[in-house]
Amino acid sequence: MSDDGRMHVPGPDVADPVASGSGQGAGQGPAHPHVFPRITSFRARRSTISDKQQATWDRLWPELGRQVREGDGPAGLLDTESWFGRRAPVVLEIGCGTGTSTLAMAQAEPDIDVVAVEVYRRGLAQLLSAIDRTSDPESTSAPVTNIRLIRGDGVDVLTHMFGPGSLTGVRVFFPDPWPKARHHKRRLLQPDTVALIADRLRPGGVLHAATDHQGYAEQIAEVGDAEPRLRRIGLDTENLPMSVARPVTKYERKALAGTDVAELLWERTR
């Protein structure tokens, strides 16, 4: 997601070729069914970060951040227990944008570890700064320690950095709808990607998608319902392993005033 709430993809501010690589190294997950180079779901744009954000990045990224690609190949499987320093359920958010929802949901569920993925450095820098502010002695909230960040393409992350059954949840909020029919192939939530998400979810794990685009909502619903390992559930479903109470962001309050947002949820059944 970008600042406007939609997920885009690497442009001039993305230094790493994260979107179209192939290859598989020792210890990495199985190859993804996409034929590479894959058609990505992002659009190019320029963005910069402030000097203060750069200083925060330099201080926190080595501990809290990872790149999806290392050199010419993808990164290996994540050891989330080592990275977070504990054993806890892991939720992956694809396209976290500036991290407003990420931070709020992580604060509401301190017993869940959140891995936030974004291609844009600016969004990740803003999230890092927000995390850092929670550690300020004058902050009214407790320090947030259950968020880690990955810079790169969400499908690459799913393919190479997480193994089967390793995730308690996957969140995809306001992915770019690519409204023109000729661009629909660029939408993130295609059958192959939803199948990959289902594979990475543990039994009982949840896929939570949200979109304000009716046509994309219909496609997501069709694709999710067609995946045999997923069962559609509602927002009022009880005893889920993670919260599905998504906070309303500034983007929604301003840009989506009067626009219906579709919340789409599935549970991994087997």
Protein backbone atom coordinates (compact mmCIF):
# COMPACT_ATOMS: atom_id res chain seq x y z
CA MET A 1 0.00 0.00 0.00
CA SER A 2 1.07 3.55 -0.54
CA ASP A 3 0.28 6.69 1.37
CA ASP A 4 -3.13 6.80 -0.27
CA GLY A 5 -3.97 3.37 1.04
CA ARG A 6 -3.39 1.38 -2.11
CA MET A 7 -0.65 -1.09 -2.76
CA HIS A 8 1.70 -0.10 -5.58
CA VAL A 9 5.07 -1.37 -6.70
CA PRO A 10 8.68 -0.48 -7.19
CA GLY A 11 9.67 2.59 -9.05
CA PRO A 12 12.69 4.88 -8.85
CA ASP A 13 12.72 4.80 -5.06
CA VAL A 14 13.06 1.01 -5.01
CA ALA A 15 16.73 0.20 -5.28
CA ASP A 16 16.33 -3.56 -5.26
CA PRO A 17 14.98 -5.59 -8.18
CA VAL A 18 12.45 -7.29 -5.95
CA ALA A 19 9.67 -8.00 -8.35
CA SER A 20 10.78 -10.38 -11.04
CA GLY A 21 13.63 -12.62 -9.95
CA SER A 22 13.80 -16.36 -10.18
CA GLY A 23 15.98 -19.05 -8.71
CA GLN A 24 15.97 -20.95 -5.46
CA GLY A 25 18.70 -21.49 -2.92
CA ALA A 26 19.25 -23.99 -0.19
CA GLY A 27 16.79 -23.72 2.66
CA GLN A 28 14.25 -21.69 0.68
CA GLY A 29 10.61 -22.53 0.12
CA PRO A 30 9.24 -24.26 -2.95
CA ALA A 31 9.16 -22.45 -6.26
CA HIS A 32 6.07 -20.32 -6.83
CA PRO A 33 3.77 -21.39 -9.67
CA HIS A 34 4.06 -18.01 -11.41
CA VAL A 35 6.17 -18.01 -14.58
CA PHE A 36 8.98 -15.49 -14.11
CA PRO A 37 9.35 -12.64 -14.77
CA ARG A 38 6.03 -12.21 -12.99
CA ILE A 39 3.60 -9.43 -13.81
CA THR A 40 3.67 -7.35 -10.67
CA SER A 41 0.87 -5.49 -8.94
CA PHE A 42 2.62 -2.18 -8.38
CA ARG A 43 3.04 1.16 -10.11
CA ALA A 44 6.15 3.30 -10.22
CA ARG A 45 6.34 6.53 -8.22
CA ARG A 46 9.01 8.70 -6.66
CA SER A 47 9.33 9.31 -2.94
CA THR A 48 11.92 10.57 -0.51
CA ILE A 49 12.43 10.41 3.23
CA SER A 50 13.44 13.19 5.59
CA ASP A 51 16.79 13.45 7.33
CA LYS A 52 15.10 12.53 10.61
CA GLN A 53 13.50 9.47 9.03
CA GLN A 54 16.87 8.51 7.54
CA ALA A 55 18.49 8.70 10.97
CA THR A 56 15.76 6.49 12.42
CA TRP A 57 16.17 4.09 9.49
CA ASP A 58 19.92 3.84 10.03
CA ARG A 59 19.39 3.10 13.71
CA LEU A 60 16.46 0.65 13.57
CA TRP A 61 16.50 -1.07 10.18
CA PRO A 62 19.41 -3.44 10.97
CA GLU A 63 17.36 -4.85 13.85
CA LEU A 64 13.80 -4.58 12.58
CA GLY A 65 14.15 -4.78 8.79
CA ARG A 66 15.00 -7.26 6.05
CA GLN A 67 15.22 -7.17 2.26
CA VAL A 68 13.35 -9.82 0.31
CA ARG A 69 16.35 -10.18 -2.00
CA GLU A 70 20.00 -10.58 -1.16
CA GLY A 71 22.34 -9.90 -4.04
CA ASP A 72 21.06 -11.65 -7.15
CA GLY A 73 18.74 -14.07 -5.39
CA PRO A 74 15.88 -14.24 -2.93
CA ALA A 75 16.41 -14.34 0.81
CA GLY A 76 16.02 -17.64 2.62
CA LEU A 77 13.36 -18.77 5.07
CA LEU A 78 12.81 -16.46 8.03
CA ASP A 79 13.51 -17.64 11.56
CA THR A 80 10.77 -15.56 13.15
CA GLU A 81 11.43 -16.92 16.64
CA SER A 82 14.99 -15.66 16.49
CA TRP A 83 14.01 -12.37 14.85
CA PHE A 84 11.32 -11.52 17.39
CA GLY A 85 13.07 -13.21 20.30
CA ARG A 86 10.05 -15.32 21.20
CA ARG A 87 7.67 -17.96 19.95
CA ALA A 88 4.31 -16.43 18.95
CA PRO A 89 1.70 -16.56 16.17
CA VAL A 90 2.85 -14.68 13.06
CA VAL A 91 0.64 -12.48 10.87
CA LEU A 92 1.91 -11.21 7.51
CA GLU A 93 0.59 -7.90 6.18
CA ILE A 94 1.20 -7.42 2.46
CA GLY A 95 1.31 -3.78 1.41
CA CYS A 96 1.44 -2.03 4.76
CA GLY A 97 1.83 1.46 3.27
CA THR A 98 2.78 3.90 6.00
CA GLY A 99 1.77 1.37 8.64
CA THR A 100 -1.17 3.11 10.32
CA SER A 101 -3.24 -0.08 10.50
CA THR A 102 -0.15 -2.19 11.13
CA LEU A 103 0.80 -0.26 14.24
CA ALA A 104 -2.72 -0.05 15.65
CA MET A 105 -3.43 -3.76 15.20
CA ALA A 106 -0.03 -4.75 16.62
CA GLN A 107 -0.68 -2.57 19.67
CA ALA A 108 -4.08 -4.19 20.14
CA GLU A 109 -2.57 -7.70 19.98
CA PRO A 110 0.82 -7.68 21.72
CA ASP A 111 0.85 -11.50 21.79
CA ILE A 112 0.92 -11.69 17.97
CA ASP A 113 4.02 -10.96 15.89
CA VAL A 114 3.41 -8.90 12.75
CA VAL A 115 5.62 -8.92 9.65
CA ALA A 116 4.80 -5.91 7.47
CA VAL A 117 5.76 -5.96 3.79
CA GLU A 118 6.07 -2.91 1.56
CA VAL A 119 8.05 -2.11 -1.58
CA TYR A 120 8.42 1.58 -0.83
CA ARG A 121 11.13 2.77 1.50
CA ARG A 122 9.16 5.87 2.41
CA GLY A 123 6.26 3.90 3.84
CA LEU A 124 8.58 1.64 5.81
CA ALA A 125 10.49 4.67 7.10
CA GLN A 126 7.25 6.21 8.34
CA LEU A 127 6.31 2.98 10.10
CA LEU A 128 9.78 2.73 11.67
CA SER A 129 9.41 6.28 12.96
CA ALA A 130 5.98 5.50 14.40
CA ILE A 131 7.37 2.42 16.15
CA ASP A 132 10.25 4.51 17.49
CA ARG A 133 7.88 7.11 18.91
CA THR A 134 6.22 4.48 21.09
CA SER A 135 9.55 4.10 22.91
CA ASP A 136 9.71 7.79 23.76
CA PRO A 137 9.52 8.32 27.54
CA GLU A 138 6.71 10.81 26.94
CA SER A 139 4.68 8.35 24.85
CA THR A 140 1.27 7.48 26.26
CA SER A 141 1.44 3.96 24.82
CA ALA A 142 3.69 1.02 25.61
CA PRO A 143 6.71 0.44 23.36
CA VAL A 144 5.80 -1.66 20.32
CA THR A 145 8.12 -4.66 20.00
CA ASN A 146 6.02 -7.04 17.89
CA ILE A 147 6.49 -5.58 14.39
CA ARG A 148 9.18 -6.44 11.86
CA LEU A 149 9.48 -5.04 8.34
CA ILE A 150 10.39 -6.51 4.96
CA ARG A 151 11.09 -4.43 1.88
CA GLY A 152 10.02 -6.16 -1.30
CA ASP A 153 7.27 -7.87 -3.24
CA GLY A 154 4.73 -9.73 -1.13
CA VAL A 155 4.64 -12.75 -3.43
CA ASP A 156 8.41 -13.06 -3.21
CA VAL A 157 8.10 -12.92 0.58
CA LEU A 158 5.45 -15.64 0.63
CA THR A 159 7.40 -17.79 -1.80
CA HIS A 160 10.86 -17.63 -0.30
CA MET A 161 10.65 -16.42 3.30
CA PHE A 162 7.80 -18.47 4.80
CA GLY A 163 7.20 -22.20 4.70
CA PRO A 164 3.92 -24.13 4.47
CA GLY A 165 1.65 -23.74 7.49
CA SER A 166 3.85 -21.09 9.10
CA LEU A 167 1.41 -18.18 9.26
CA THR A 168 -1.55 -17.54 11.53
CA GLY A 169 -2.88 -14.82 9.26
CA VAL A 170 -2.36 -12.82 6.08
CA ARG A 171 -3.72 -9.29 5.70
CA VAL A 172 -4.09 -7.49 2.37
CA PHE A 173 -5.72 -4.09 2.82
CA PHE A 174 -6.60 -1.93 -0.20
CA PRO A 175 -4.40 -3.54 -2.85
CA ASP A 176 -4.29 -1.56 -6.07
CA PRO A 177 -7.47 -2.46 -8.01
CA TRP A 178 -6.01 -1.80 -11.46
CA PRO A 179 -9.50 -0.79 -12.66
CA LYS A 180 -8.90 -0.99 -16.42
CA ALA A 181 -9.79 -4.42 -17.80
CA ARG A 182 -6.47 -4.76 -19.64
CA HIS A 183 -4.66 -4.32 -16.31
CA HIS A 184 -6.62 -6.88 -14.28
CA LYS A 185 -3.79 -9.37 -14.74
CA ARG A 186 -1.70 -7.09 -12.51
CA ARG A 187 -4.00 -7.45 -9.52
CA LEU A 188 -2.30 -9.07 -6.56
CA LEU A 189 -5.03 -11.48 -5.46
CA GLN A 190 -5.07 -13.89 -8.39
CA PRO A 191 -5.70 -17.65 -8.07
CA ASP A 192 -1.98 -18.51 -7.87
CA THR A 193 -1.34 -15.98 -5.12
CA VAL A 194 -4.40 -17.00 -3.10
CA ALA A 195 -3.32 -20.64 -3.41
CA LEU A 196 0.13 -19.65 -2.15
CA ILE A 197 -1.40 -17.78 0.79
CA ALA A 198 -3.56 -20.81 1.62
CA ASP A 199 -0.45 -22.99 1.60
CA ARG A 200 1.39 -20.68 4.00
CA LEU A 201 -1.54 -20.45 6.43
CA ARG A 202 -1.78 -23.02 9.19
CA PRO A 203 -5.12 -24.83 9.62
CA GLY A 204 -7.44 -22.30 11.22
CA GLY A 205 -5.38 -19.39 9.88
CA VAL A 206 -7.14 -16.40 8.35
CA LEU A 207 -6.87 -14.45 5.11
CA HIS A 208 -8.30 -10.94 5.58
CA ALA A 209 -8.65 -8.69 2.53
CA ALA A 210 -10.27 -5.27 2.26
CA THR A 211 -11.01 -3.18 -0.82
CA ASP A 212 -13.17 -0.21 -1.76
CA HIS A 213 -13.37 -1.26 -5.43
CA GLN A 214 -16.53 -3.24 -6.13
CA GLY A 215 -15.16 -5.01 -9.19
CA TYR A 216 -12.02 -6.10 -7.41
CA ALA A 217 -14.06 -7.20 -4.40
CA GLU A 218 -16.10 -9.45 -6.67
CA GLN A 219 -12.93 -10.94 -8.17
CA ILE A 220 -11.33 -11.48 -4.76
CA ALA A 221 -14.50 -13.17 -3.51
CA GLU A 222 -14.63 -15.46 -6.53
CA VAL A 223 -10.95 -16.39 -6.29
CA GLY A 224 -11.04 -16.96 -2.53
CA ASP A 225 -14.20 -19.05 -2.68
CA ALA A 226 -12.65 -21.20 -5.42
CA GLU A 227 -9.60 -22.11 -3.31
CA PRO A 228 -10.42 -25.55 -1.83
CA ARG A 229 -8.38 -25.03 1.34
CA LEU A 230 -10.25 -21.85 2.30
CA ARG A 231 -13.72 -21.38 3.81
CA ARG A 232 -15.48 -18.00 3.77
CA ILE A 233 -16.18 -16.56 7.22
CA GLY A 234 -17.72 -13.35 8.53
CA LEU A 235 -16.41 -10.48 10.60
CA ASP A 236 -18.49 -11.75 13.51
CA THR A 237 -16.88 -15.21 13.51
CA GLU A 238 -15.79 -16.10 17.03
CA ASN A 239 -12.59 -17.71 18.30
CA LEU A 240 -10.39 -16.58 15.43
CA PRO A 241 -6.63 -16.73 16.09
CA MET A 242 -6.18 -13.02 15.26
CA SER A 243 -8.22 -9.86 15.29
CA VAL A 244 -10.17 -8.85 12.19
CA ALA A 245 -11.11 -5.46 13.69
CA ARG A 246 -9.37 -3.28 11.13
CA PRO A 247 -8.95 0.37 12.22
CA VAL A 248 -10.33 3.09 9.97
CA THR A 249 -7.36 5.02 8.58
CA LYS A 250 -7.06 8.67 7.58
CA TYR A 251 -7.21 7.50 3.96
CA GLU A 252 -10.62 5.95 4.53
CA ARG A 253 -11.98 8.92 6.44
CA LYS A 254 -11.02 11.37 3.70
CA ALA A 255 -10.77 9.55 0.39
CA LEU A 256 -13.45 6.93 0.95
CA ALA A 257 -16.12 9.03 2.62
CA GLY A 258 -19.40 7.48 1.53
CA THR A 259 -17.67 4.59 -0.24
CA ASP A 260 -18.42 1.03 0.81
CA VAL A 261 -15.44 -1.06 1.89
CA ALA A 262 -15.71 -4.80 1.36
CA GLU A 263 -14.17 -6.92 4.11
CA LEU A 264 -13.43 -10.43 2.84
CA LEU A 265 -12.30 -13.22 5.15
CA TRP A 266 -11.45 -16.88 4.75
CA GLU A 267 -10.26 -19.56 7.15
CA ARG A 268 -7.80 -22.29 6.19
CA THR A 269 -9.71 -25.54 6.71
CA ARG A 270 -7.14 -28.25 6.06
